[in-house]
Protein backbone atom coordinates (compact mmCIF):
# COMPACT_ATOMS: atom_id res chain seq x y z
CA MET A 1 0.01 -0.02 -0.01
CA GLY A 2 2.93 2.33 0.83
CA ALA A 3 4.45 1.90 -2.60
CA LEU A 4 1.05 2.59 -4.34
CA VAL A 5 0.60 5.79 -2.35
CA VAL A 6 4.14 7.10 -3.32
CA ILE A 7 3.42 6.18 -6.94
CA CYS A 8 0.27 8.08 -7.01
CA VAL A 9 1.93 11.11 -5.28
CA ALA A 10 4.67 10.91 -8.00
CA PHE A 11 2.09 11.06 -10.85
CA LEU A 12 0.32 13.99 -9.08
CA ALA A 13 3.70 15.82 -8.60
CA GLY A 14 4.72 15.19 -12.17
CA SER A 15 1.36 16.40 -13.50
CA PHE A 16 1.90 19.97 -12.02
CA PRO A 17 2.12 22.15 -15.12
CA THR A 18 5.08 24.13 -14.16
CA GLY A 19 5.66 25.79 -17.41
CA ILE A 20 2.08 27.01 -17.81
CA VAL A 21 2.07 28.44 -14.27
CA LEU A 22 5.39 30.23 -14.44
CA GLY A 23 4.81 31.20 -18.13
CA ARG A 24 1.53 33.00 -17.16
CA LEU A 25 3.04 34.72 -14.19
CA ALA A 26 6.00 36.01 -16.37
CA THR A 27 4.14 36.93 -19.50
CA GLY A 28 0.35 37.03 -18.70
CA ARG A 29 -0.31 34.62 -21.50
CA ASP A 30 -0.89 31.00 -21.94
CA ILE A 31 2.58 29.56 -23.00
CA ARG A 32 0.70 26.97 -25.04
CA THR A 33 -0.37 29.74 -27.52
CA VAL A 34 3.33 30.75 -27.99
CA GLY A 35 6.15 29.24 -30.08
CA SER A 36 5.84 25.51 -30.26
CA GLY A 37 2.85 25.31 -27.99
CA ASN A 38 4.80 23.03 -25.68
CA PHE A 39 4.90 24.09 -21.92
CA GLY A 40 8.55 22.67 -21.24
CA ALA A 41 11.39 24.71 -20.25
CA ALA A 42 12.74 25.27 -23.86
CA ASN A 43 9.50 26.93 -25.12
CA VAL A 44 9.11 28.81 -21.81
CA ALA A 45 12.59 30.16 -22.40
CA ARG A 46 11.70 31.36 -25.87
CA ALA A 47 8.56 33.15 -24.76
CA ALA A 48 9.43 34.43 -21.19
CA GLY A 49 13.29 34.52 -21.17
CA LEU A 50 15.99 32.28 -20.05
CA LYS A 51 15.72 32.85 -16.46
CA VAL A 52 12.06 31.70 -16.35
CA GLY A 53 13.01 28.77 -18.66
CA VAL A 54 15.80 27.64 -16.26
CA ALA A 55 13.25 28.00 -13.33
CA VAL A 56 10.86 25.78 -15.15
CA ALA A 57 13.58 23.32 -15.83
CA LEU A 58 14.69 23.19 -12.19
CA LEU A 59 11.33 22.72 -10.95
CA ASP A 60 10.61 19.98 -13.54
CA VAL A 61 13.77 18.08 -12.33
CA LEU A 62 12.49 18.48 -8.75
CA LYS A 63 9.11 16.81 -9.74
CA GLY A 64 11.02 13.76 -10.61
CA LEU A 65 13.64 13.84 -7.90
CA LEU A 66 11.57 14.56 -4.82
CA PRO A 67 9.04 11.53 -5.24
CA VAL A 68 11.84 9.09 -5.80
CA LEU A 69 13.69 10.53 -2.73
CA LEU A 70 10.42 10.08 -0.75
CA GLY A 71 10.11 6.43 -1.91
CA ALA A 72 13.85 5.79 -1.12
CA ARG A 73 13.39 7.25 2.41
CA LEU A 74 10.36 4.93 2.85
CA GLY A 75 12.61 1.95 1.97
CA LEU A 76 10.94 1.11 -1.41
CA GLY A 77 12.81 -1.52 -3.35
CA HIS A 78 14.20 -1.07 -6.79
CA SER A 79 11.21 -2.06 -8.80
CA ALA A 80 8.94 0.22 -6.68
CA LEU A 81 11.41 3.10 -7.05
CA ALA A 82 11.49 2.54 -10.82
CA LEU A 83 7.71 2.68 -10.93
CA THR A 84 7.66 5.79 -8.90
CA ALA A 85 10.08 7.37 -11.22
CA LEU A 86 8.04 6.41 -14.25
CA ALA A 87 4.90 7.72 -12.66
CA ALA A 88 6.45 11.04 -12.17
CA VAL A 89 7.57 11.21 -15.84
CA LEU A 90 4.10 10.00 -16.99
CA GLY A 91 2.50 12.60 -14.93
CA HIS A 92 4.61 15.43 -16.62
CA ASP A 93 4.01 13.85 -20.09
CA PHE A 94 0.19 13.37 -19.48
CA SER A 95 -0.80 15.73 -16.99
CA ILE A 96 -4.25 15.31 -15.35
CA PHE A 97 -4.54 19.12 -14.90
CA VAL A 98 -4.44 19.97 -18.68
CA GLY A 99 -6.42 17.15 -20.16
CA PHE A 100 -3.69 14.42 -20.21
CA ARG A 101 -1.48 16.55 -22.38
CA GLY A 102 2.02 17.62 -21.17
CA GLY A 103 5.81 18.24 -21.81
CA LYS A 104 8.32 16.05 -23.34
CA GLY A 105 9.64 14.71 -19.92
CA VAL A 106 13.32 15.42 -20.38
CA ALA A 107 14.02 17.50 -17.21
CA THR A 108 11.69 15.23 -15.13
CA SER A 109 13.46 12.13 -16.55
CA PHE A 110 16.78 13.69 -15.53
CA GLY A 111 15.41 14.30 -12.11
CA VAL A 112 14.41 10.69 -11.49
CA ALA A 113 17.69 9.43 -13.00
CA LEU A 114 19.70 11.90 -10.82
CA MET A 115 18.18 10.30 -7.74
CA LEU A 116 18.38 6.83 -8.72
CA ALA A 117 21.68 6.67 -10.42
CA PRO A 118 23.93 9.95 -10.08
CA PRO A 119 26.95 8.86 -12.13
CA ALA A 120 24.86 7.74 -15.13
CA SER A 121 22.64 10.77 -15.03
CA LEU A 122 25.50 13.25 -14.67
CA VAL A 123 27.26 11.72 -17.81
CA ALA A 124 23.93 11.87 -19.71
CA GLY A 125 23.58 15.62 -18.55
CA ALA A 126 27.15 16.54 -19.58
CA ALA A 127 26.38 15.00 -23.08
CA TRP A 128 23.30 17.12 -23.17
CA LEU A 129 25.26 20.24 -22.44
CA ALA A 130 27.96 19.26 -24.95
CA VAL A 131 25.63 18.83 -27.78
CA LEU A 132 23.69 22.09 -27.00
CA GLY A 133 26.93 23.97 -26.91
CA VAL A 134 28.15 22.45 -30.18
CA TRP A 135 24.96 22.42 -32.34
CA GLY A 136 22.55 24.64 -30.41
CA TYR A 137 19.56 22.29 -30.56
CA THR A 138 17.89 21.43 -27.32
CA SER A 139 15.87 18.67 -29.12
CA LEU A 140 19.10 16.96 -30.49
CA ALA A 141 20.70 17.36 -27.06
CA SER A 142 17.80 15.74 -25.34
CA LEU A 143 17.40 12.90 -27.87
CA LEU A 144 21.09 11.94 -27.44
CA ALA A 145 20.87 12.14 -23.60
CA LEU A 146 17.90 9.95 -23.57
CA ALA A 147 19.47 7.36 -25.94
CA LEU A 148 22.54 7.23 -23.78
CA LEU A 149 20.77 6.75 -20.46
CA PRO A 150 19.97 3.00 -20.80
CA LEU A 151 23.46 2.20 -21.80
CA LEU A 152 24.94 4.43 -19.03
CA MET A 153 22.58 2.56 -16.43
CA GLY A 154 23.88 -0.78 -17.66
CA VAL A 155 27.61 0.03 -17.72
CA THR A 156 27.57 1.60 -14.35
CA GLY A 157 26.04 -1.55 -12.86
CA GLN A 158 22.57 -0.29 -11.96
CA PRO A 159 19.74 -2.67 -11.09
CA PRO A 160 17.90 -4.27 -13.97
CA ALA A 161 14.77 -2.38 -12.91
CA TYR A 162 16.58 0.95 -13.56
CA VAL A 163 17.91 -0.14 -16.97
CA VAL A 164 14.29 -1.02 -17.92
CA LEU A 165 13.11 2.37 -16.64
CA ALA A 166 15.74 4.16 -18.69
CA SER A 167 14.77 2.17 -21.74
CA ILE A 168 11.14 3.14 -21.26
CA LEU A 169 11.99 6.82 -20.77
CA PHE A 170 14.03 6.73 -23.93
CA VAL A 171 10.92 5.43 -25.88
CA LEU A 172 8.70 7.91 -24.21
CA GLY A 173 10.98 10.85 -24.87
CA TRP A 174 11.68 10.01 -28.54
CA GLY A 175 8.04 9.54 -29.05
CA LYS A 176 7.33 12.86 -27.56
CA HIS A 177 10.06 14.40 -29.86
CA TRP A 178 8.70 12.94 -33.06
CA GLU A 179 8.01 16.33 -34.54
CA ASN A 180 11.48 17.58 -33.75
CA ILE A 181 13.00 14.36 -35.18
CA ILE A 182 11.39 15.27 -38.42
CA ARG A 183 12.44 18.93 -38.44
CA LEU A 184 16.07 17.85 -37.66
CA ALA A 185 15.96 15.27 -40.52
CA TYR A 186 14.92 17.90 -42.96
CA GLY A 187 17.06 20.76 -41.47
CA ARG A 188 14.03 22.77 -40.19
CA GLU A 189 14.67 22.67 -36.55
CA SER A 190 15.02 25.91 -34.68
CA GLY A 191 17.99 26.14 -32.45
CA PHE A 192 19.36 28.68 -29.95
CA LYS A 193 22.08 29.61 -32.35
CA SER A 194 19.89 30.33 -35.27
CA ARG A 195 17.62 32.27 -33.00
CA ARG A 196 20.45 34.44 -31.65
CA ALA A 197 21.68 35.03 -35.27
CA ALA A 198 18.18 36.09 -36.31
CA ASN A 199 17.91 38.39 -33.31
CA GLY A 200 21.19 39.94 -34.26
CA ARG A 201 20.15 40.86 -37.65
């Protein structure tokens, strides 16, 4: 029963629409009507500024990290913790507060991974930063980090439940990024570097 309660709490925490709330506070607008329409950190940063976008990202990380921390403190096993982590990401991806729509789950996935397997998640995070710095695409950085996470979980000796979780997060994340994948394939994706160049003209 304790594990089920924690899993439900994780889903509710993940469902909190951070980007919509902070975006409206910062701009007075519904962030879903701006830019890509997504209410993740990247679109919030485009619409409301980098500081607000970073705040959304950090809170989305905490939406994943804190429920898993709660489960760990209550002594849940590896499988229950993996389900708790998955529930938090599913809550973010399919929020009950906005008609089961949601963000792409990257920051929340990083939050749960950071709690479960810090070395693997930090390497994935470093890869995310490197790709963003070189190519300027948050989507490409996220896709690579999500793809690396199951491998990193395996090579760092994490429990099988965590490797399975990372594989599910990879599939979920790539599914949520399908439009970005198409734009990247056709060279139509908008990146931070291209936006800076456009703003400088």
